[in-house]
Each structure stands twice: as structure tokens, then as C-alpha cells.
């Protein structure tokens, strides 16, 4: 049962992370929003973005927070 759970949840987590990074790269969401959407900490999101060659914006450059 545990292996089945891993196979089902891991692709969803990966998909969520990839979607969050795409939205961040297009300046649709902030780093914090991307991290929340991707299910990781902001620090981990920065690491993931940089590892894929996506520039992490400075705080003053970040997308406005959505309400």
C-alpha cells in the first residue's frame, strides 16, 4: 500500500512544483506563492528554480501579491 501511495503522490508533487515554477517564471505569482503551490519552502523553491536556470527575482522585482 505504501508504494502505491508514493507512486500516486510523487507525480502530483512534481507536477505541482513544475506548475509553480512556470507561473513564477512568467511573473504571475511571487516566490512565496510558488513555494506554497509547489509544496516546498521558499528556500527550497529558490534552489529548484536556480537548478533549472530560472532567475530568482529580488524582492523589489517580485510579482504583486494576489488577493
Protein backbone atom coordinates (compact mmCIF):
# COMPACT_ATOMS: atom_id res chain seq x y z
CA UNK A 1 0.00 0.00 0.00
CA UNK A 2 2.79 2.41 0.87
CA UNK A 3 4.44 2.00 -2.57
CA UNK A 4 1.17 2.68 -4.34
CA UNK A 5 0.77 5.86 -2.28
CA UNK A 6 4.27 7.01 -3.31
CA UNK A 7 3.58 6.38 -6.98
CA UNK A 8 0.36 8.37 -6.84
CA UNK A 9 1.54 11.32 -4.76
CA UNK A 10 5.06 11.89 -6.11
CA UNK A 11 3.97 12.68 -9.69
CA UNK A 12 1.39 15.11 -8.32
CA UNK A 13 4.04 16.83 -6.22
CA UNK A 14 6.37 17.05 -9.20
CA UNK A 15 3.58 18.42 -11.37
CA UNK A 16 2.67 20.99 -8.73
CA UNK A 17 6.28 22.06 -8.42
CA UNK A 18 6.72 22.38 -12.19
CA UNK A 19 3.49 24.39 -12.50
CA UNK A 20 4.56 26.69 -9.68
CA UNK A 21 7.94 27.28 -11.33
CA UNK A 22 6.29 28.05 -14.67
CA UNK A 23 3.96 30.56 -13.04
CA UNK A 24 6.87 32.14 -11.19
CA UNK A 25 8.98 32.38 -14.33
CA UNK A 26 6.12 34.13 -16.14
CA UNK A 27 5.84 36.60 -13.22
CA UNK A 28 2.28 35.50 -12.47
CA UNK A 29 2.99 34.63 -8.83
CA UNK A 30 5.57 35.51 -6.18
CA UNK A 31 8.29 33.23 -4.89
CA UNK A 32 6.30 32.67 -1.71
CA UNK A 33 3.17 31.79 -3.68
CA UNK A 34 5.16 29.45 -5.91
CA UNK A 35 6.62 27.72 -2.86
CA UNK A 36 3.18 27.28 -1.33
CA UNK A 37 1.71 25.99 -4.59
CA UNK A 38 4.67 23.65 -5.10
CA UNK A 39 4.52 22.30 -1.56
CA UNK A 40 8.05 23.38 -0.62
CA UNK A 41 9.68 26.09 1.46
CA UNK A 42 10.67 29.38 -0.22
CA UNK A 43 14.33 28.41 0.24
CA UNK A 44 13.77 25.06 -1.49
CA UNK A 45 11.85 26.82 -4.28
CA UNK A 46 14.82 29.15 -4.83
CA UNK A 47 17.12 26.12 -5.06
CA UNK A 48 14.82 24.36 -7.53
CA UNK A 49 14.48 27.48 -9.69
CA UNK A 50 18.22 28.08 -9.82
CA UNK A 51 18.95 24.42 -10.59
CA UNK A 52 16.78 24.81 -13.70
CA UNK A 53 18.35 28.09 -14.79
CA UNK A 54 15.39 30.24 -13.74
CA UNK A 55 16.50 33.56 -12.31
CA UNK A 56 15.21 34.30 -8.81
CA UNK A 57 13.90 37.85 -8.67
CA UNK A 58 14.89 40.28 -5.96
CA UNK A 59 12.14 41.14 -3.53
CA UNK A 60 11.57 44.55 -5.21
CA UNK A 61 11.09 42.78 -8.58
CA UNK A 62 8.62 40.17 -7.40
CA UNK A 63 5.08 39.99 -8.68
CA UNK A 64 2.50 41.80 -6.60
CA UNK A 65 0.71 39.57 -4.13
CA UNK A 66 -2.65 38.33 -5.35
CA UNK A 67 -5.68 38.76 -3.15
